[in-house]
Amino acid sequence: MCAGQHRPVGKVSEIVGVGTLPAARRRGLGLAVTAALVADARSRGVETVLLSAGDEDVARLYARLGFRSVATALIAEPGD
């Protein structure tokens, strides 16, 4: 119903691909999976865990797990 992964490189890991099936949303599964991914990363010696939030509402959810905004990501897309 919900899945994700983290990609460690040395002492840093990025949490990516956290997704919940529409029928299972609004039950805290995304936060639970994210918390489990953070715990797994920490158990493997990762010191810095990062992720990207799609919008401010999602960022507020991740803040409940201790994440904080530190930068803005920029996206380059092909021109017309």
PDB file of N, CA and C in Angstrom:
ATOM      1  N   MET A   1       0.793  -1.188   0.000  1.00  0.00           N
ATOM      2  CA  MET A   1       0.000   0.000   0.000  1.00  0.00           C
ATOM      3  C   MET A   1       0.842   1.261   0.000  1.00  0.00           C
ATOM      4  N   CYS A   2       2.078   1.162   0.540  1.00  0.00           N
ATOM      5  CA  CYS A   2       2.980   2.300   0.579  1.00  0.00           C
ATOM      6  C   CYS A   2       4.402   1.768   0.500  1.00  0.00           C
ATOM      7  N   ALA A   3       5.243   2.470  -0.238  1.00  0.00           N
ATOM      8  CA  ALA A   3       6.626   2.025  -0.390  1.00  0.00           C
ATOM      9  C   ALA A   3       7.532   3.227  -0.600  1.00  0.00           C
ATOM     10  N   GLY A   4       8.818   2.999  -0.474  1.00  0.00           N
ATOM     11  CA  GLY A   4       9.825   4.014  -0.720  1.00  0.00           C
ATOM     12  C   GLY A   4      11.186   3.378  -0.615  1.00  0.00           C
ATOM     13  N   GLN A   5      12.217   4.171  -0.829  1.00  0.00           N
ATOM     14  CA  GLN A   5      13.582   3.674  -0.706  1.00  0.00           C
ATOM     15  C   GLN A   5      14.504   4.821  -0.336  1.00  0.00           C
ATOM     16  N   HIS A   6      15.693   4.454   0.118  1.00  0.00           N
ATOM     17  CA  HIS A   6      16.721   5.475   0.312  1.00  0.00           C
ATOM     18  C   HIS A   6      17.966   5.006  -0.405  1.00  0.00           C
ATOM     19  N   ARG A   7      18.734   5.980  -0.861  1.00  0.00           N
ATOM     20  CA  ARG A   7      19.928   5.705  -1.669  1.00  0.00           C
ATOM     21  C   ARG A   7      21.152   6.264  -0.970  1.00  0.00           C
ATOM     22  N   PRO A   8      21.848   5.417  -0.210  1.00  0.00           N
ATOM     23  CA  PRO A   8      23.016   5.901   0.509  1.00  0.00           C
ATOM     24  C   PRO A   8      24.251   6.046  -0.391  1.00  0.00           C
ATOM     25  N   VAL A   9      24.988   7.103  -0.128  1.00  0.00           N
ATOM     26  CA  VAL A   9      26.302   7.315  -0.734  1.00  0.00           C
ATOM     27  C   VAL A   9      27.186   7.805   0.401  1.00  0.00           C
ATOM     28  N   GLY A  10      28.035   6.933   0.882  1.00  0.00           N
ATOM     29  CA  GLY A  10      28.859   7.290   2.034  1.00  0.00           C
ATOM     30  C   GLY A  10      27.996   7.538   3.248  1.00  0.00           C
ATOM     31  N   LYS A  11      28.172   8.685   3.864  1.00  0.00           N
ATOM     32  CA  LYS A  11      27.445   9.034   5.098  1.00  0.00           C
ATOM     33  C   LYS A  11      26.164   9.820   4.835  1.00  0.00           C
ATOM     34  N   VAL A  12      25.736   9.880   3.557  1.00  0.00           N
ATOM     35  CA  VAL A  12      24.532  10.623   3.175  1.00  0.00           C
ATOM     36  C   VAL A  12      23.578   9.680   2.451  1.00  0.00           C
ATOM     37  N   SER A  13      22.277   9.840   2.708  1.00  0.00           N
ATOM     38  CA  SER A  13      21.287   9.053   1.979  1.00  0.00           C
ATOM     39  C   SER A  13      20.097   9.939   1.634  1.00  0.00           C
ATOM     40  N   GLU A  14      19.586   9.745   0.427  1.00  0.00           N
ATOM     41  CA  GLU A  14      18.400  10.471  -0.008  1.00  0.00           C
ATOM     42  C   GLU A  14      17.205   9.522  -0.015  1.00  0.00           C
ATOM     43  N   ILE A  15      16.127   9.945   0.618  1.00  0.00           N
ATOM     44  CA  ILE A  15      14.882   9.187   0.578  1.00  0.00           C
ATOM     45  C   ILE A  15      14.160   9.575  -0.706  1.00  0.00           C
ATOM     46  N   VAL A  16      13.778   8.562  -1.479  1.00  0.00           N
ATOM     47  CA  VAL A  16      13.133   8.802  -2.771  1.00  0.00           C
ATOM     48  C   VAL A  16      11.950   7.855  -2.956  1.00  0.00           C
ATOM     49  N   GLY A  17      11.051   8.252  -3.813  1.00  0.00           N
ATOM     50  CA  GLY A  17       9.981   7.374  -4.265  1.00  0.00           C
ATOM     51  C   GLY A  17       8.985   6.941  -3.216  1.00  0.00           C
ATOM     52  N   VAL A  18       8.775   7.748  -2.181  1.00  0.00           N
ATOM     53  CA  VAL A  18       7.758   7.380  -1.192  1.00  0.00           C
ATOM     54  C   VAL A  18       6.390   7.639  -1.828  1.00  0.00           C
ATOM     55  N   GLY A  19       5.598   6.597  -1.900  1.00  0.00           N
ATOM     56  CA  GLY A  19       4.283   6.718  -2.512  1.00  0.00           C
ATOM     57  C   GLY A  19       3.281   5.802  -1.832  1.00  0.00           C
ATOM     58  N   THR A  20       2.052   6.269  -1.776  1.00  0.00           N
ATOM     59  CA  THR A  20       0.961   5.518  -1.165  1.00  0.00           C
ATOM     60  C   THR A  20      -0.157   5.370  -2.182  1.00  0.00           C
ATOM     61  N   LEU A  21      -0.714   4.187  -2.278  1.00  0.00           N
ATOM     62  CA  LEU A  21      -1.855   3.985  -3.163  1.00  0.00           C
ATOM     63  C   LEU A  21      -2.998   4.913  -2.738  1.00  0.00           C
ATOM     64  N   PRO A  22      -3.729   5.447  -3.691  1.00  0.00           N
ATOM     65  CA  PRO A  22      -4.816   6.385  -3.354  1.00  0.00           C
ATOM     66  C   PRO A  22      -5.796   5.851  -2.313  1.00  0.00           C
ATOM     67  N   ALA A  23      -6.141   4.594  -2.379  1.00  0.00           N
ATOM     68  CA  ALA A  23      -7.118   4.029  -1.437  1.00  0.00           C
ATOM     69  C   ALA A  23      -6.576   3.941  -0.008  1.00  0.00           C
ATOM     70  N   ALA A  24      -5.262   4.063   0.159  1.00  0.00           N
ATOM     71  CA  ALA A  24      -4.661   3.918   1.484  1.00  0.00           C
ATOM     72  C   ALA A  24      -4.128   5.244   2.039  1.00  0.00           C
ATOM     73  N   ARG A  25      -4.409   6.334   1.380  1.00  0.00           N
ATOM     74  CA  ARG A  25      -3.888   7.637   1.821  1.00  0.00           C
ATOM     75  C   ARG A  25      -4.612   8.144   3.061  1.00  0.00           C
ATOM     76  N   ARG A  26      -3.948   9.108   3.713  1.00  0.00           N
ATOM     77  CA  ARG A  26      -4.467   9.786   4.899  1.00  0.00           C
ATOM     78  C   ARG A  26      -4.567   8.860   6.106  1.00  0.00           C
ATOM     79  N   ARG A  27      -3.650   7.882   6.165  1.00  0.00           N
ATOM     80  CA  ARG A  27      -3.589   6.960   7.303  1.00  0.00           C
ATOM     81  C   ARG A  27      -2.234   7.002   7.984  1.00  0.00           C
ATOM     82  N   GLY A  28      -1.339   7.878   7.518  1.00  0.00           N
ATOM     83  CA  GLY A  28      -0.014   7.968   8.117  1.00  0.00           C
ATOM     84  C   GLY A  28       0.990   6.976   7.581  1.00  0.00           C
ATOM     85  N   LEU A  29       0.621   6.256   6.525  1.00  0.00           N
ATOM     86  CA  LEU A  29       1.533   5.241   5.997  1.00  0.00           C
ATOM     87  C   LEU A  29       2.800   5.853   5.402  1.00  0.00           C
ATOM     88  N   GLY A  30       2.657   6.971   4.699  1.00  0.00           N
ATOM     89  CA  GLY A  30       3.828   7.625   4.111  1.00  0.00           C
ATOM     90  C   GLY A  30       4.824   8.057   5.174  1.00  0.00           C
ATOM     91  N   LEU A  31       4.318   8.627   6.257  1.00  0.00           N
ATOM     92  CA  LEU A  31       5.206   9.020   7.355  1.00  0.00           C
ATOM     93  C   LEU A  31       5.836   7.801   8.006  1.00  0.00           C
ATOM     94  N   ALA A  32       5.077   6.733   8.172  1.00  0.00           N
ATOM     95  CA  ALA A  32       5.620   5.519   8.780  1.00  0.00           C
ATOM     96  C   ALA A  32       6.727   4.920   7.920  1.00  0.00           C
ATOM     97  N   VAL A  33       6.513   4.876   6.619  1.00  0.00           N
ATOM     98  CA  VAL A  33       7.541   4.350   5.714  1.00  0.00           C
ATOM     99  C   VAL A  33       8.773   5.251   5.746  1.00  0.00           C
ATOM    100  N   THR A  34       8.560   6.556   5.729  1.00  0.00           N
ATOM    101  CA  THR A  34       9.687   7.488   5.777  1.00  0.00           C
ATOM    102  C   THR A  34      10.461   7.319   7.075  1.00  0.00           C
ATOM    103  N   ALA A  35       9.782   7.196   8.191  1.00  0.00           N
ATOM    104  CA  ALA A  35      10.450   6.982   9.478  1.00  0.00           C
ATOM    105  C   ALA A  35      11.257   5.683   9.460  1.00  0.00           C
ATOM    106  N   ALA A  36      10.706   4.639   8.863  1.00  0.00           N
ATOM    107  CA  ALA A  36      11.432   3.366   8.775  1.00  0.00           C
ATOM    108  C   ALA A  36      12.663   3.497   7.892  1.00  0.00           C
ATOM    109  N   LEU A  37      12.560   4.260   6.818  1.00  0.00           N
ATOM    110  CA  LEU A  37      13.713   4.478   5.946  1.00  0.00           C
ATOM    111  C   LEU A  37      14.807   5.268   6.659  1.00  0.00           C
ATOM    112  N   VAL A  38      14.420   6.268   7.427  1.00  0.00           N
ATOM    113  CA  VAL A  38      15.398   7.027   8.212  1.00  0.00           C
ATOM    114  C   VAL A  38      16.084   6.105   9.214  1.00  0.00           C
ATOM    115  N   ALA A  39      15.310   5.284   9.908  1.00  0.00           N
ATOM    116  CA  ALA A  39      15.882   4.356  10.891  1.00  0.00           C
ATOM    117  C   ALA A  39      16.847   3.387  10.222  1.00  0.00           C
ATOM    118  N   ASP A  40      16.482   2.873   9.048  1.00  0.00           N
ATOM    119  CA  ASP A  40      17.367   1.958   8.335  1.00  0.00           C
ATOM    120  C   ASP A  40      18.662   2.668   7.929  1.00  0.00           C
ATOM    121  N   ALA A  41      18.534   3.883   7.414  1.00  0.00           N
ATOM    122  CA  ALA A  41      19.730   4.637   7.020  1.00  0.00           C
ATOM    123  C   ALA A  41      20.643   4.857   8.218  1.00  0.00           C
ATOM    124  N   ARG A  42      20.062   5.278   9.323  1.00  0.00           N
ATOM    125  CA  ARG A  42      20.864   5.515  10.537  1.00  0.00           C
ATOM    126  C   ARG A  42      21.549   4.231  11.005  1.00  0.00           C
ATOM    127  N   SER A  43      20.840   3.105  10.926  1.00  0.00           N
ATOM    128  CA  SER A  43      21.421   1.834  11.377  1.00  0.00           C
ATOM    129  C   SER A  43      22.604   1.416  10.512  1.00  0.00           C
ATOM    130  N   ARG A  44      22.703   1.984   9.317  1.00  0.00           N
ATOM    131  CA  ARG A  44      23.796   1.686   8.393  1.00  0.00           C
ATOM    132  C   ARG A  44      24.905   2.731   8.450  1.00  0.00           C
ATOM    133  N   GLY A  45      24.839   3.608   9.434  1.00  0.00           N
ATOM    134  CA  GLY A  45      25.890   4.595   9.629  1.00  0.00           C
ATOM    135  C   GLY A  45      25.712   5.905   8.881  1.00  0.00           C
ATOM    136  N   VAL A  46      24.558   6.103   8.272  1.00  0.00           N
ATOM    137  CA  VAL A  46      24.297   7.357   7.558  1.00  0.00           C
ATOM    138  C   VAL A  46      24.141   8.481   8.585  1.00  0.00           C
ATOM    139  N   GLU A  47      24.809   9.596   8.323  1.00  0.00           N
ATOM    140  CA  GLU A  47      24.745  10.750   9.219  1.00  0.00           C
ATOM    141  C   GLU A  47      23.763  11.811   8.744  1.00  0.00           C
ATOM    142  N   THR A  48      23.600  11.957   7.432  1.00  0.00           N
ATOM    143  CA  THR A  48      22.712  12.968   6.868  1.00  0.00           C
ATOM    144  C   THR A  48      21.684  12.290   5.982  1.00  0.00           C
ATOM    145  N   VAL A  49      20.413  12.514   6.273  1.00  0.00           N
ATOM    146  CA  VAL A  49      19.320  11.990   5.462  1.00  0.00           C
ATOM    147  C   VAL A  49      18.588  13.187   4.869  1.00  0.00           C
ATOM    148  N   LEU A  50      18.356  13.133   3.552  1.00  0.00           N
ATOM    149  CA  LEU A  50      17.657  14.232   2.903  1.00  0.00           C
ATOM    150  C   LEU A  50      16.538  13.699   2.032  1.00  0.00           C
ATOM    151  N   LEU A  51      15.620  14.590   1.705  1.00  0.00           N
ATOM    152  CA  LEU A  51      14.519  14.267   0.790  1.00  0.00           C
ATOM    153  C   LEU A  51      14.008  15.560   0.192  1.00  0.00           C
ATOM    154  N   SER A  52      13.208  15.439  -0.837  1.00  0.00           N
ATOM    155  CA  SER A  52      12.577  16.596  -1.467  1.00  0.00           C
ATOM    156  C   SER A  52      11.076  16.476  -1.292  1.00  0.00           C
ATOM    157  N   ALA A  53      10.461  17.562  -0.858  1.00  0.00           N
ATOM    158  CA  ALA A  53       9.007  17.601  -0.693  1.00  0.00           C
ATOM    159  C   ALA A  53       8.401  18.289  -1.907  1.00  0.00           C
ATOM    160  N   GLY A  54       7.310  17.751  -2.402  1.00  0.00           N
ATOM    161  CA  GLY A  54       6.663  18.293  -3.587  1.00  0.00           C
ATOM    162  C   GLY A  54       6.020  19.652  -3.385  1.00  0.00           C
ATOM    163  N   ASP A  55       5.621  19.958  -2.155  1.00  0.00           N
ATOM    164  CA  ASP A  55       5.009  21.257  -1.865  1.00  0.00           C
ATOM    165  C   ASP A  55       5.083  21.521  -0.364  1.00  0.00           C
ATOM    166  N   GLU A  56       4.596  22.675   0.051  1.00  0.00           N
ATOM    167  CA  GLU A  56       4.689  23.067   1.458  1.00  0.00           C
ATOM    168  C   GLU A  56       3.870  22.155   2.380  1.00  0.00           C
ATOM    169  N   ASP A  57       2.747  21.653   1.909  1.00  0.00           N
ATOM    170  CA  ASP A  57       1.946  20.741   2.734  1.00  0.00           C
ATOM    171  C   ASP A  57       2.719  19.468   3.041  1.00  0.00           C
ATOM    172  N   VAL A  58       3.378  18.925   2.036  1.00  0.00           N
ATOM    173  CA  VAL A  58       4.184  17.715   2.225  1.00  0.00           C
ATOM    174  C   VAL A  58       5.378  18.024   3.126  1.00  0.00           C
ATOM    175  N   ALA A  59       5.990  19.189   2.942  1.00  0.00           N
ATOM    176  CA  ALA A  59       7.125  19.580   3.786  1.00  0.00           C
ATOM    177  C   ALA A  59       6.716  19.639   5.256  1.00  0.00           C
ATOM    178  N   ARG A  60       5.504  20.136   5.525  1.00  0.00           N
ATOM    179  CA  ARG A  60       5.021  20.182   6.909  1.00  0.00           C
ATOM    180  C   ARG A  60       4.870  18.774   7.496  1.00  0.00           C
ATOM    181  N   LEU A  61       4.456  17.825   6.678  1.00  0.00           N
ATOM    182  CA  LEU A  61       4.355  16.440   7.164  1.00  0.00           C
ATOM    183  C   LEU A  61       5.726  15.892   7.524  1.00  0.00           C
ATOM    184  N   TYR A  62       6.702  16.099   6.645  1.00  0.00           N
ATOM    185  CA  TYR A  62       8.053  15.605   6.916  1.00  0.00           C
ATOM    186  C   TYR A  62       8.670  16.301   8.129  1.00  0.00           C
ATOM    187  N   ALA A  63       8.279  17.533   8.380  1.00  0.00           N
ATOM    188  CA  ALA A  63       8.782  18.245   9.558  1.00  0.00           C
ATOM    189  C   ALA A  63       8.391  17.516  10.840  1.00  0.00           C
ATOM    190  N   ARG A  64       7.286  16.791  10.818  1.00  0.00           N
ATOM    191  CA  ARG A  64       6.864  16.014  11.986  1.00  0.00           C
ATOM    192  C   ARG A  64       7.860  14.919  12.319  1.00  0.00           C
ATOM    193  N   LEU A  65       8.688  14.539  11.346  1.00  0.00           N
ATOM    194  CA  LEU A  65       9.725  13.526  11.570  1.00  0.00           C
ATOM    195  C   LEU A  65      11.085  14.154  11.854  1.00  0.00           C
ATOM    196  N   GLY A  66      11.124  15.487  11.925  1.00  0.00           N
ATOM    197  CA  GLY A  66      12.377  16.170  12.233  1.00  0.00           C
ATOM    198  C   GLY A  66      13.095  16.782  11.041  1.00  0.00           C
ATOM    199  N   PHE A  67      12.547  16.629   9.836  1.00  0.00           N
ATOM    200  CA  PHE A  67      13.162  17.254   8.672  1.00  0.00           C
ATOM    201  C   PHE A  67      12.903  18.754   8.721  1.00  0.00           C
ATOM    202  N   ARG A  68      13.843  19.520   8.155  1.00  0.00           N
ATOM    203  CA  ARG A  68      13.677  20.966   8.063  1.00  0.00           C
ATOM    204  C   ARG A  68      14.138  21.433   6.694  1.00  0.00           C
ATOM    205  N   SER A  69      13.554  22.503   6.228  1.00  0.00           N
ATOM    206  CA  SER A  69      13.925  23.053   4.925  1.00  0.00           C
ATOM    207  C   SER A  69      15.261  23.770   5.047  1.00  0.00           C
ATOM    208  N   VAL A  70      16.169  23.456   4.114  1.00  0.00           N
ATOM    209  CA  VAL A  70      17.477  24.113   4.129  1.00  0.00           C
ATOM    210  C   VAL A  70      17.842  24.701   2.777  1.00  0.00           C
ATOM    211  N   ALA A  71      17.125  24.344   1.723  1.00  0.00           N
ATOM    212  CA  ALA A  71      17.470  24.829   0.389  1.00  0.00           C
ATOM    213  C   ALA A  71      16.270  24.671  -0.535  1.00  0.00           C
ATOM    214  N   THR A  72      16.422  25.209  -1.712  1.00  0.00           N
ATOM    215  CA  THR A  72      15.412  25.083  -2.753  1.00  0.00           C
ATOM    216  C   THR A  72      16.026  24.321  -3.925  1.00  0.00           C
ATOM    217  N   ALA A  73      15.323  23.341  -4.413  1.00  0.00           N
ATOM    218  CA  ALA A  73      15.798  22.593  -5.588  1.00  0.00           C
ATOM    219  C   ALA A  73      15.312  23.293  -6.842  1.00  0.00           C
ATOM    220  N   LEU A  74      16.126  23.282  -7.867  1.00  0.00           N
ATOM    221  CA  LEU A  74      15.759  23.858  -9.154  1.00  0.00           C
ATOM    222  C   LEU A  74      15.695  22.750 -10.190  1.00  0.00           C
ATOM    223  N   ILE A  75      14.762  22.849 -11.105  1.00  0.00           N
ATOM    224  CA  ILE A  75      14.566  21.821 -12.107  1.00  0.00           C
ATOM    225  C   ILE A  75      14.753  22.434 -13.497  1.00  0.00           C
ATOM    226  N   ALA A  76      15.554  21.791 -14.316  1.00  0.00           N
ATOM    227  CA  ALA A  76      15.743  22.232 -15.700  1.00  0.00           C
ATOM    228  C   ALA A  76      14.908  21.333 -16.600  1.00  0.00           C
ATOM    229  N   GLU A  77      14.109  21.940 -17.447  1.00  0.00           N
ATOM    230  CA  GLU A  77      13.289  21.185 -18.378  1.00  0.00           C
ATOM    231  C   GLU A  77      13.641  21.595 -19.807  1.00  0.00           C
ATOM    232  N   PRO A  78      13.468  20.702 -20.761  1.00  0.00           N
ATOM    233  CA  PRO A  78      13.762  21.059 -22.142  1.00  0.00           C
ATOM    234  C   PRO A  78      12.882  22.219 -22.617  1.00  0.00           C
ATOM    235  N   GLY A  79      13.460  23.082 -23.416  1.00  0.00           N
ATOM    236  CA  GLY A  79      12.709  24.206 -23.950  1.00  0.00           C
ATOM    237  C   GLY A  79      11.786  23.770 -25.082  1.00  0.00           C
ATOM    238  N   ASP A  80      10.983  24.706 -25.535  1.00  0.00           N
ATOM    239  CA  ASP A  80      10.051  24.417 -26.641  1.00  0.00           C
ATOM    240  C   ASP A  80      10.774  24.247 -27.959  1.00  0.00           C
TER     241      ASP A  80
END
